[in-house]
Amino acid sequence: MHSEIHRATRFPFAASVEVTDTRSERTVTGHTSDLSVFGCYVRTTNPFPVGTKITLRITHDGASFTAFGNVVYFRPKAGMGLAFANVEPTHQTILEKWIANLRKK
């Protein structure tokens, strides 16, 4: 059985997401099911393997968040857990605003 340990609280969060393998440039689309300041889970039938370096773009309420990251776990034909590795300050602000709104709910 797979046990997941997260560095921060993950909040339920539904948004469209595109994830691109930085090496092959293959892109998959899906939806987030949760979000934290350090990562998210993406529901997709074509997850990338653990260790894949990725870029992602999450679109929610008219804003887009982009970051570099990597796949930390995956579930075949179900989805993958992503860790954010490099987030530019303007995108960090968007992420923090989304998290702040989720904390209020």
PDB file of N, CA and C in Angstrom:
ATOM      1  N   MET A   1       0.835  -1.180   0.000  1.00  0.00           N
ATOM      2  CA  MET A   1       0.000   0.000   0.000  1.00  0.00           C
ATOM      3  C   MET A   1       0.878   1.242   0.000  1.00  0.00           C
ATOM      4  N   HIS A   2       0.503   2.235  -0.774  1.00  0.00           N
ATOM      5  CA  HIS A   2       1.280   3.455  -0.920  1.00  0.00           C
ATOM      6  C   HIS A   2       0.890   4.453   0.163  1.00  0.00           C
ATOM      7  N   SER A   3       1.857   4.951   0.872  1.00  0.00           N
ATOM      8  CA  SER A   3       1.632   5.954   1.900  1.00  0.00           C
ATOM      9  C   SER A   3       2.214   7.272   1.421  1.00  0.00           C
ATOM     10  N   GLU A   4       1.424   8.337   1.544  1.00  0.00           N
ATOM     11  CA  GLU A   4       1.876   9.634   1.071  1.00  0.00           C
ATOM     12  C   GLU A   4       2.107  10.562   2.256  1.00  0.00           C
ATOM     13  N   ILE A   5       3.234  11.235   2.243  1.00  0.00           N
ATOM     14  CA  ILE A   5       3.541  12.219   3.267  1.00  0.00           C
ATOM     15  C   ILE A   5       3.703  13.559   2.567  1.00  0.00           C
ATOM     16  N   HIS A   6       2.957  14.540   3.017  1.00  0.00           N
ATOM     17  CA  HIS A   6       3.006  15.864   2.402  1.00  0.00           C
ATOM     18  C   HIS A   6       3.608  16.865   3.370  1.00  0.00           C
ATOM     19  N   ARG A   7       4.376  17.815   2.819  1.00  0.00           N
ATOM     20  CA  ARG A   7       5.019  18.838   3.645  1.00  0.00           C
ATOM     21  C   ARG A   7       4.050  19.927   4.070  1.00  0.00           C
ATOM     22  N   ALA A   8       2.919  20.058   3.390  1.00  0.00           N
ATOM     23  CA  ALA A   8       1.961  21.113   3.702  1.00  0.00           C
ATOM     24  C   ALA A   8       0.553  20.583   3.483  1.00  0.00           C
ATOM     25  N   THR A   9      -0.397  21.247   4.094  1.00  0.00           N
ATOM     26  CA  THR A   9      -1.795  20.869   3.929  1.00  0.00           C
ATOM     27  C   THR A   9      -2.184  20.977   2.468  1.00  0.00           C
ATOM     28  N   ARG A  10      -2.861  19.929   2.007  1.00  0.00           N
ATOM     29  CA  ARG A  10      -3.408  19.960   0.650  1.00  0.00           C
ATOM     30  C   ARG A  10      -4.890  20.244   0.746  1.00  0.00           C
ATOM     31  N   PHE A  11      -5.357  21.137  -0.106  1.00  0.00           N
ATOM     32  CA  PHE A  11      -6.749  21.544  -0.107  1.00  0.00           C
ATOM     33  C   PHE A  11      -7.429  21.021  -1.367  1.00  0.00           C
ATOM     34  N   PRO A  12      -8.702  20.594  -1.265  1.00  0.00           N
ATOM     35  CA  PRO A  12      -9.427  20.211  -2.482  1.00  0.00           C
ATOM     36  C   PRO A  12      -9.423  21.393  -3.450  1.00  0.00           C
ATOM     37  N   PHE A  13      -9.097  21.112  -4.700  1.00  0.00           N
ATOM     38  CA  PHE A  13      -8.951  22.193  -5.681  1.00  0.00           C
ATOM     39  C   PHE A  13      -9.151  21.610  -7.067  1.00  0.00           C
ATOM     40  N   ALA A  14     -10.179  22.063  -7.761  1.00  0.00           N
ATOM     41  CA  ALA A  14     -10.473  21.568  -9.106  1.00  0.00           C
ATOM     42  C   ALA A  14     -10.134  22.641 -10.133  1.00  0.00           C
ATOM     43  N   ALA A  15      -9.189  22.323 -11.019  1.00  0.00           N
ATOM     44  CA  ALA A  15      -8.780  23.252 -12.068  1.00  0.00           C
ATOM     45  C   ALA A  15      -8.202  22.460 -13.233  1.00  0.00           C
ATOM     46  N   SER A  16      -8.232  23.053 -14.412  1.00  0.00           N
ATOM     47  CA  SER A  16      -7.622  22.435 -15.588  1.00  0.00           C
ATOM     48  C   SER A  16      -6.108  22.561 -15.491  1.00  0.00           C
ATOM     49  N   VAL A  17      -5.410  21.524 -15.976  1.00  0.00           N
ATOM     50  CA  VAL A  17      -3.953  21.553 -15.912  1.00  0.00           C
ATOM     51  C   VAL A  17      -3.360  20.885 -17.146  1.00  0.00           C
ATOM     52  N   GLU A  18      -2.252  21.440 -17.617  1.00  0.00           N
ATOM     53  CA  GLU A  18      -1.437  20.834 -18.669  1.00  0.00           C
ATOM     54  C   GLU A  18      -0.076  20.539 -18.060  1.00  0.00           C
ATOM     55  N   VAL A  19       0.391  19.320 -18.247  1.00  0.00           N
ATOM     56  CA  VAL A  19       1.688  18.905 -17.718  1.00  0.00           C
ATOM     57  C   VAL A  19       2.541  18.437 -18.896  1.00  0.00           C
ATOM     58  N   THR A  20       3.760  18.986 -19.002  1.00  0.00           N
ATOM     59  CA  THR A  20       4.648  18.654 -20.117  1.00  0.00           C
ATOM     60  C   THR A  20       5.945  18.057 -19.595  1.00  0.00           C
ATOM     61  N   ASP A  21       6.313  16.916 -20.157  1.00  0.00           N
ATOM     62  CA  ASP A  21       7.606  16.286 -19.874  1.00  0.00           C
ATOM     63  C   ASP A  21       8.667  17.158 -20.530  1.00  0.00           C
ATOM     64  N   THR A  22       9.607  17.701 -19.740  1.00  0.00           N
ATOM     65  CA  THR A  22      10.591  18.628 -20.302  1.00  0.00           C
ATOM     66  C   THR A  22      11.557  17.949 -21.268  1.00  0.00           C
ATOM     67  N   ARG A  23      11.742  16.655 -21.145  1.00  0.00           N
ATOM     68  CA  ARG A  23      12.670  15.936 -22.028  1.00  0.00           C
ATOM     69  C   ARG A  23      12.004  15.592 -23.371  1.00  0.00           C
ATOM     70  N   SER A  24      10.852  14.920 -23.319  1.00  0.00           N
ATOM     71  CA  SER A  24      10.208  14.472 -24.561  1.00  0.00           C
ATOM     72  C   SER A  24       9.274  15.519 -25.154  1.00  0.00           C
ATOM     73  N   GLU A  25       8.909  16.523 -24.356  1.00  0.00           N
ATOM     74  CA  GLU A  25       7.947  17.560 -24.733  1.00  0.00           C
ATOM     75  C   GLU A  25       6.536  17.018 -24.926  1.00  0.00           C
ATOM     76  N   ARG A  26       6.272  15.808 -24.444  1.00  0.00           N
ATOM     77  CA  ARG A  26       4.914  15.252 -24.491  1.00  0.00           C
ATOM     78  C   ARG A  26       4.069  15.943 -23.426  1.00  0.00           C
ATOM     79  N   THR A  27       2.859  16.314 -23.798  1.00  0.00           N
ATOM     80  CA  THR A  27       1.957  17.011 -22.895  1.00  0.00           C
ATOM     81  C   THR A  27       0.731  16.158 -22.614  1.00  0.00           C
ATOM     82  N   VAL A  28       0.330  16.134 -21.349  1.00  0.00           N
ATOM     83  CA  VAL A  28      -0.928  15.499 -20.973  1.00  0.00           C
ATOM     84  C   VAL A  28      -1.785  16.556 -20.290  1.00  0.00           C
ATOM     85  N   THR A  29      -3.090  16.378 -20.399  1.00  0.00           N
ATOM     86  CA  THR A  29      -4.018  17.292 -19.744  1.00  0.00           C
ATOM     87  C   THR A  29      -4.790  16.530 -18.680  1.00  0.00           C
ATOM     88  N   GLY A  30      -5.322  17.269 -17.758  1.00  0.00           N
ATOM     89  CA  GLY A  30      -6.110  16.664 -16.697  1.00  0.00           C
ATOM     90  C   GLY A  30      -6.702  17.742 -15.823  1.00  0.00           C
ATOM     91  N   HIS A  31      -7.053  17.331 -14.608  1.00  0.00           N
ATOM     92  CA  HIS A  31      -7.614  18.260 -13.627  1.00  0.00           C
ATOM     93  C   HIS A  31      -6.950  18.022 -12.286  1.00  0.00           C
ATOM     94  N   THR A  32      -6.733  19.104 -11.565  1.00  0.00           N
ATOM     95  CA  THR A  32      -6.206  18.951 -10.218  1.00  0.00           C
ATOM     96  C   THR A  32      -7.326  18.446  -9.321  1.00  0.00           C
ATOM     97  N   SER A  33      -6.949  17.710  -8.289  1.00  0.00           N
ATOM     98  CA  SER A  33      -7.931  17.338  -7.276  1.00  0.00           C
ATOM     99  C   SER A  33      -7.563  17.943  -5.929  1.00  0.00           C
ATOM    100  N   ASP A  34      -6.285  18.312  -5.770  1.00  0.00           N
ATOM    101  CA  ASP A  34      -5.859  19.021  -4.570  1.00  0.00           C
ATOM    102  C   ASP A  34      -4.644  19.882  -4.883  1.00  0.00           C
ATOM    103  N   LEU A  35      -4.362  20.809  -3.949  1.00  0.00           N
ATOM    104  CA  LEU A  35      -3.297  21.783  -4.172  1.00  0.00           C
ATOM    105  C   LEU A  35      -2.687  22.162  -2.829  1.00  0.00           C
ATOM    106  N   SER A  36      -1.364  22.342  -2.815  1.00  0.00           N
ATOM    107  CA  SER A  36      -0.670  22.880  -1.650  1.00  0.00           C
ATOM    108  C   SER A  36       0.386  23.858  -2.144  1.00  0.00           C
ATOM    109  N   VAL A  37       1.106  24.480  -1.215  1.00  0.00           N
ATOM    110  CA  VAL A  37       2.158  25.407  -1.624  1.00  0.00           C
ATOM    111  C   VAL A  37       3.334  24.679  -2.265  1.00  0.00           C
ATOM    112  N   PHE A  38       3.420  23.354  -2.065  1.00  0.00           N
ATOM    113  CA  PHE A  38       4.547  22.579  -2.597  1.00  0.00           C
ATOM    114  C   PHE A  38       4.200  21.677  -3.777  1.00  0.00           C
ATOM    115  N   GLY A  39       2.905  21.489  -4.082  1.00  0.00           N
ATOM    116  CA  GLY A  39       2.565  20.581  -5.164  1.00  0.00           C
ATOM    117  C   GLY A  39       1.083  20.382  -5.323  1.00  0.00           C
ATOM    118  N   CYS A  40       0.737  19.407  -6.177  1.00  0.00           N
ATOM    119  CA  CYS A  40      -0.668  19.110  -6.438  1.00  0.00           C
ATOM    120  C   CYS A  40      -0.800  17.671  -6.945  1.00  0.00           C
ATOM    121  N   TYR A  41      -2.034  17.208  -6.985  1.00  0.00           N
ATOM    122  CA  TYR A  41      -2.336  15.914  -7.592  1.00  0.00           C
ATOM    123  C   TYR A  41      -3.107  16.195  -8.868  1.00  0.00           C
ATOM    124  N   VAL A  42      -2.728  15.520  -9.945  1.00  0.00           N
ATOM    125  CA  VAL A  42      -3.373  15.694 -11.243  1.00  0.00           C
ATOM    126  C   VAL A  42      -4.038  14.390 -11.651  1.00  0.00           C
ATOM    127  N   ARG A  43      -5.340  14.463 -11.867  1.00  0.00           N
ATOM    128  CA  ARG A  43      -6.063  13.300 -12.373  1.00  0.00           C
ATOM    129  C   ARG A  43      -5.918  13.263 -13.893  1.00  0.00           C
ATOM    130  N   THR A  44      -5.323  12.183 -14.386  1.00  0.00           N
ATOM    131  CA  THR A  44      -5.135  11.980 -15.822  1.00  0.00           C
ATOM    132  C   THR A  44      -4.974  10.489 -16.075  1.00  0.00           C
ATOM    133  N   THR A  45      -5.417  10.042 -17.232  1.00  0.00           N
ATOM    134  CA  THR A  45      -5.286   8.618 -17.551  1.00  0.00           C
ATOM    135  C   THR A  45      -3.898   8.266 -18.076  1.00  0.00           C
ATOM    136  N   ASN A  46      -3.074   9.289 -18.336  1.00  0.00           N
ATOM    137  CA  ASN A  46      -1.725   9.062 -18.874  1.00  0.00           C
ATOM    138  C   ASN A  46      -0.648   9.717 -18.005  1.00  0.00           C
ATOM    139  N   PRO A  47      -0.502   9.302 -16.751  1.00  0.00           N
ATOM    140  CA  PRO A  47       0.503   9.950 -15.894  1.00  0.00           C
ATOM    141  C   PRO A  47       1.926   9.618 -16.337  1.00  0.00           C
ATOM    142  N   PHE A  48       2.833  10.528 -16.021  1.00  0.00           N
ATOM    143  CA  PHE A  48       4.253  10.301 -16.282  1.00  0.00           C
ATOM    144  C   PHE A  48       4.852   9.479 -15.145  1.00  0.00           C
ATOM    145  N   PRO A  49       5.962   8.784 -15.401  1.00  0.00           N
ATOM    146  CA  PRO A  49       6.614   7.992 -14.348  1.00  0.00           C
ATOM    147  C   PRO A  49       7.261   8.872 -13.272  1.00  0.00           C
ATOM    148  N   VAL A  50       7.484   8.282 -12.115  1.00  0.00           N
ATOM    149  CA  VAL A  50       8.170   8.957 -11.023  1.00  0.00           C
ATOM    150  C   VAL A  50       9.534   9.456 -11.505  1.00  0.00           C
ATOM    151  N   GLY A  51       9.867  10.675 -11.110  1.00  0.00           N
ATOM    152  CA  GLY A  51      11.153  11.259 -11.479  1.00  0.00           C
ATOM    153  C   GLY A  51      11.114  12.114 -12.733  1.00  0.00           C
ATOM    154  N   THR A  52      10.024  12.059 -13.494  1.00  0.00           N
ATOM    155  CA  THR A  52       9.926  12.855 -14.713  1.00  0.00           C
ATOM    156  C   THR A  52       9.960  14.335 -14.363  1.00  0.00           C
ATOM    157  N   LYS A  53      10.819  15.081 -15.025  1.00  0.00           N
ATOM    158  CA  LYS A  53      10.884  16.532 -14.852  1.00  0.00           C
ATOM    159  C   LYS A  53       9.819  17.148 -15.754  1.00  0.00           C
ATOM    160  N   ILE A  54       9.045  18.064 -15.179  1.00  0.00           N
ATOM    161  CA  ILE A  54       7.890  18.588 -15.903  1.00  0.00           C
ATOM    162  C   ILE A  54       7.794  20.112 -15.783  1.00  0.00           C
ATOM    163  N   THR A  55       6.997  20.671 -16.683  1.00  0.00           N
ATOM    164  CA  THR A  55       6.459  22.009 -16.496  1.00  0.00           C
ATOM    165  C   THR A  55       4.954  21.835 -16.416  1.00  0.00           C
ATOM    166  N   LEU A  56       4.291  22.702 -15.665  1.00  0.00           N
ATOM    167  CA  LEU A  56       2.850  22.595 -15.596  1.00  0.00           C
ATOM    168  C   LEU A  56       2.228  23.970 -15.672  1.00  0.00           C
ATOM    169  N   ARG A  57       0.971  23.980 -16.147  1.00  0.00           N
ATOM    170  CA  ARG A  57       0.184  25.208 -16.171  1.00  0.00           C
ATOM    171  C   ARG A  57      -1.198  24.872 -15.644  1.00  0.00           C
ATOM    172  N   ILE A  58      -1.551  25.493 -14.536  1.00  0.00           N
ATOM    173  CA  ILE A  58      -2.873  25.324 -13.942  1.00  0.00           C
ATOM    174  C   ILE A  58      -3.670  26.581 -14.259  1.00  0.00           C
ATOM    175  N   THR A  59      -4.889  26.410 -14.761  1.00  0.00           N
ATOM    176  CA  THR A  59      -5.750  27.540 -15.088  1.00  0.00           C
ATOM    177  C   THR A  59      -6.982  27.476 -14.200  1.00  0.00           C
ATOM    178  N   HIS A  60      -7.238  28.605 -13.500  1.00  0.00           N
ATOM    179  CA  HIS A  60      -8.367  28.655 -12.564  1.00  0.00           C
ATOM    180  C   HIS A  60      -8.836  30.098 -12.411  1.00  0.00           C
ATOM    181  N   ASP A  61     -10.127  30.316 -12.542  1.00  0.00           N
ATOM    182  CA  ASP A  61     -10.723  31.646 -12.344  1.00  0.00           C
ATOM    183  C   ASP A  61     -10.019  32.745 -13.124  1.00  0.00           C
ATOM    184  N   GLY A  62      -9.668  32.467 -14.371  1.00  0.00           N
ATOM    185  CA  GLY A  62      -9.067  33.475 -15.228  1.00  0.00           C
ATOM    186  C   GLY A  62      -7.582  33.723 -15.005  1.00  0.00           C
ATOM    187  N   ALA A  63      -6.963  32.977 -14.087  1.00  0.00           N
ATOM    188  CA  ALA A  63      -5.528  33.132 -13.839  1.00  0.00           C
ATOM    189  C   ALA A  63      -4.808  31.840 -14.202  1.00  0.00           C
ATOM    190  N   SER A  64      -3.532  31.967 -14.571  1.00  0.00           N
ATOM    191  CA  SER A  64      -2.714  30.801 -14.882  1.00  0.00           C
ATOM    192  C   SER A  64      -1.475  30.792 -13.998  1.00  0.00           C
ATOM    193  N   PHE A  65      -1.194  29.613 -13.447  1.00  0.00           N
ATOM    194  CA  PHE A  65      -0.013  29.386 -12.621  1.00  0.00           C
ATOM    195  C   PHE A  65       0.885  28.428 -13.382  1.00  0.00           C
ATOM    196  N   THR A  66       2.155  28.786 -13.544  1.00  0.00           N
ATOM    197  CA  THR A  66       3.096  27.883 -14.200  1.00  0.00           C
ATOM    198  C   THR A  66       4.291  27.649 -13.283  1.00  0.00           C
ATOM    199  N   ALA A  67       4.869  26.465 -13.415  1.00  0.00           N
ATOM    200  CA  ALA A  67       6.024  26.110 -12.588  1.00  0.00           C
ATOM    201  C   ALA A  67       6.763  24.937 -13.210  1.00  0.00           C
ATOM    202  N   PHE A  68       8.004  24.780 -12.802  1.00  0.00           N
ATOM    203  CA  PHE A  68       8.758  23.566 -13.071  1.00  0.00           C
ATOM    204  C   PHE A  68       8.546  22.646 -11.886  1.00  0.00           C
ATOM    205  N   GLY A  69       8.694  21.348 -12.109  1.00  0.00           N
ATOM    206  CA  GLY A  69       8.531  20.405 -11.013  1.00  0.00           C
ATOM    207  C   GLY A  69       8.942  19.014 -11.428  1.00  0.00           C
ATOM    208  N   ASN A  70       8.504  18.044 -10.625  1.00  0.00           N
ATOM    209  CA  ASN A  70       8.763  16.648 -10.973  1.00  0.00           C
ATOM    210  C   ASN A  70       7.650  15.768 -10.415  1.00  0.00           C
ATOM    211  N   VAL A  71       7.556  14.580 -11.003  1.00  0.00           N
ATOM    212  CA  VAL A  71       6.551  13.607 -10.587  1.00  0.00           C
ATOM    213  C   VAL A  71       7.108  12.853  -9.383  1.00  0.00           C
ATOM    214  N   VAL A  72       6.371  12.876  -8.264  1.00  0.00           N
ATOM    215  CA  VAL A  72       6.843  12.207  -7.058  1.00  0.00           C
ATOM    216  C   VAL A  72       6.146  10.865  -6.822  1.00  0.00           C
ATOM    217  N   TYR A  73       4.971  10.669  -7.401  1.00  0.00           N
ATOM    218  CA  TYR A  73       4.324   9.361  -7.398  1.00  0.00           C
ATOM    219  C   TYR A  73       3.264   9.340  -8.479  1.00  0.00           C
ATOM    220  N   PHE A  74       2.870   8.152  -8.896  1.00  0.00           N
ATOM    221  CA  PHE A  74       1.810   8.056  -9.892  1.00  0.00           C
ATOM    222  C   PHE A  74       0.969   6.818  -9.634  1.00  0.00           C
ATOM    223  N   ARG A  75      -0.237   6.883 -10.153  1.00  0.00           N
ATOM    224  CA  ARG A  75      -1.159   5.751 -10.110  1.00  0.00           C
ATOM    225  C   ARG A  75      -1.548   5.462 -11.559  1.00  0.00           C
ATOM    226  N   PRO A  76      -1.211   4.268 -12.071  1.00  0.00           N
ATOM    227  CA  PRO A  76      -1.507   3.954 -13.465  1.00  0.00           C
ATOM    228  C   PRO A  76      -2.960   4.238 -13.822  1.00  0.00           C
ATOM    229  N   LYS A  77      -3.149   4.927 -14.934  1.00  0.00           N
ATOM    230  CA  LYS A  77      -4.460   5.269 -15.491  1.00  0.00           C
ATOM    231  C   LYS A  77      -5.329   6.084 -14.542  1.00  0.00           C
ATOM    232  N   ALA A  78      -4.707   6.708 -13.519  1.00  0.00           N
ATOM    233  CA  ALA A  78      -5.489   7.497 -12.559  1.00  0.00           C
ATOM    234  C   ALA A  78      -4.942   8.911 -12.371  1.00  0.00           C
ATOM    235  N   GLY A  79      -3.610   9.031 -12.193  1.00  0.00           N
ATOM    236  CA  GLY A  79      -3.071  10.362 -11.975  1.00  0.00           C
ATOM    237  C   GLY A  79      -1.671  10.344 -11.405  1.00  0.00           C
ATOM    238  N   MET A  80      -1.195  11.539 -11.022  1.00  0.00           N
ATOM    239  CA  MET A  80       0.173  11.668 -10.519  1.00  0.00           C
ATOM    240  C   MET A  80       0.272  12.813  -9.526  1.00  0.00           C
ATOM    241  N   GLY A  81       1.156  12.631  -8.561  1.00  0.00           N
ATOM    242  CA  GLY A  81       1.464  13.679  -7.601  1.00  0.00           C
ATOM    243  C   GLY A  81       2.666  14.457  -8.074  1.00  0.00           C
ATOM    244  N   LEU A  82       2.550  15.773  -8.101  1.00  0.00           N
ATOM    245  CA  LEU A  82       3.610  16.633  -8.600  1.00  0.00           C
ATOM    246  C   LEU A  82       4.152  17.516  -7.482  1.00  0.00           C
ATOM    247  N   ALA A  83       5.460  17.688  -7.445  1.00  0.00           N
ATOM    248  CA  ALA A  83       6.108  18.623  -6.525  1.00  0.00           C
ATOM    249  C   ALA A  83       6.616  19.802  -7.342  1.00  0.00           C
ATOM    250  N   PHE A  84       6.309  21.009  -6.878  1.00  0.00           N
ATOM    251  CA  PHE A  84       6.807  22.203  -7.545  1.00  0.00           C
ATOM    252  C   PHE A  84       8.271  22.385  -7.170  1.00  0.00           C
ATOM    253  N   ALA A  85       9.133  22.662  -8.160  1.00  0.00           N
ATOM    254  CA  ALA A  85      10.561  22.800  -7.901  1.00  0.00           C
ATOM    255  C   ALA A  85      11.053  24.224  -8.111  1.00  0.00           C
ATOM    256  N   ASN A  86      10.478  24.927  -9.043  1.00  0.00           N
ATOM    257  CA  ASN A  86      10.940  26.278  -9.351  1.00  0.00           C
ATOM    258  C   ASN A  86       9.739  27.101  -9.778  1.00  0.00           C
ATOM    259  N   VAL A  87       9.388  28.083  -8.953  1.00  0.00           N
ATOM    260  CA  VAL A  87       8.226  28.924  -9.220  1.00  0.00           C
ATOM    261  C   VAL A  87       8.678  30.382  -9.249  1.00  0.00           C
ATOM    262  N   GLU A  88       8.378  31.071 -10.337  1.00  0.00           N
ATOM    263  CA  GLU A  88       8.720  32.484 -10.447  1.00  0.00           C
ATOM    264  C   GLU A  88       7.851  33.291  -9.483  1.00  0.00           C
ATOM    265  N   PRO A  89       8.360  34.421  -8.987  1.00  0.00           N
ATOM    266  CA  PRO A  89       7.629  35.207  -7.986  1.00  0.00           C
ATOM    267  C   PRO A  89       6.198  35.586  -8.377  1.00  0.00           C
ATOM    268  N   THR A  90       5.973  35.962  -9.634  1.00  0.00           N
ATOM    269  CA  THR A  90       4.601  36.345 -10.025  1.00  0.00           C
ATOM    270  C   THR A  90       3.653  35.151  -9.945  1.00  0.00           C
ATOM    271  N   HIS A  91       4.158  33.970 -10.273  1.00  0.00           N
ATOM    272  CA  HIS A  91       3.324  32.776 -10.201  1.00  0.00           C
ATOM    273  C   HIS A  91       3.168  32.304  -8.757  1.00  0.00           C
ATOM    274  N   GLN A  92       4.189  32.522  -7.933  1.00  0.00           N
ATOM    275  CA  GLN A  92       4.095  32.199  -6.510  1.00  0.00           C
ATOM    276  C   GLN A  92       2.961  33.014  -5.875  1.00  0.00           C
ATOM    277  N   THR A  93       2.826  34.270  -6.288  1.00  0.00           N
ATOM    278  CA  THR A  93       1.764  35.132  -5.778  1.00  0.00           C
ATOM    279  C   THR A  93       0.389  34.576  -6.130  1.00  0.00           C
ATOM    280  N   ILE A  94       0.233  34.094  -7.364  1.00  0.00           N
ATOM    281  CA  ILE A  94      -1.036  33.493  -7.783  1.00  0.00           C
ATOM    282  C   ILE A  94      -1.331  32.270  -6.932  1.00  0.00           C
ATOM    283  N   LEU A  95      -0.341  31.407  -6.754  1.00  0.00           N
ATOM    284  CA  LEU A  95      -0.511  30.201  -5.947  1.00  0.00           C
ATOM    285  C   LEU A  95      -0.909  30.561  -4.516  1.00  0.00           C
ATOM    286  N   GLU A  96      -0.220  31.508  -3.925  1.00  0.00           N
ATOM    287  CA  GLU A  96      -0.520  31.901  -2.547  1.00  0.00           C
ATOM    288  C   GLU A  96      -1.917  32.489  -2.414  1.00  0.00           C
ATOM    289  N   LYS A  97      -2.373  33.214  -3.422  1.00  0.00           N
ATOM    290  CA  LYS A  97      -3.724  33.767  -3.400  1.00  0.00           C
ATOM    291  C   LYS A  97      -4.752  32.633  -3.455  1.00  0.00           C
ATOM    292  N   TRP A  98      -4.537  31.647  -4.325  1.00  0.00           N
ATOM    293  CA  TRP A  98      -5.449  30.505  -4.386  1.00  0.00           C
ATOM    294  C   TRP A  98      -5.490  29.770  -3.049  1.00  0.00           C
ATOM    295  N   ILE A  99      -4.319  29.521  -2.453  1.00  0.00           N
ATOM    296  CA  ILE A  99      -4.246  28.811  -1.174  1.00  0.00           C
ATOM    297  C   ILE A  99      -4.966  29.605  -0.082  1.00  0.00           C
ATOM    298  N   ALA A 100      -4.757  30.912  -0.046  1.00  0.00           N
ATOM    299  CA  ALA A 100      -5.416  31.757   0.961  1.00  0.00           C
ATOM    300  C   ALA A 100      -6.935  31.646   0.837  1.00  0.00           C
ATOM    301  N   ASN A 101      -7.439  31.659  -0.396  1.00  0.00           N
ATOM    302  CA  ASN A 101      -8.886  31.514  -0.609  1.00  0.00           C
ATOM    303  C   ASN A 101      -9.384  30.135  -0.185  1.00  0.00           C
ATOM    304  N   LEU A 102      -8.581  29.106  -0.416  1.00  0.00           N
ATOM    305  CA  LEU A 102      -8.981  27.752  -0.017  1.00  0.00           C
ATOM    306  C   LEU A 102      -9.005  27.604   1.500  1.00  0.00           C
ATOM    307  N   ARG A 103      -8.105  28.283   2.183  1.00  0.00           N
ATOM    308  CA  ARG A 103      -8.064  28.226   3.654  1.00  0.00           C
ATOM    309  C   ARG A 103      -9.315  28.838   4.271  1.00  0.00           C
ATOM    310  N   LYS A 104      -9.931  29.804   3.585  1.00  0.00           N
ATOM    311  CA  LYS A 104     -11.118  30.479   4.108  1.00  0.00           C
ATOM    312  C   LYS A 104     -12.375  29.619   4.024  1.00  0.00           C
ATOM    313  N   LYS A 105     -12.344  28.606   3.174  1.00  0.00           N
ATOM    314  CA  LYS A 105     -13.539  27.780   2.951  1.00  0.00           C
ATOM    315  C   LYS A 105     -13.766  26.799   4.069  1.00  0.00           C
TER     316      LYS A 105
END
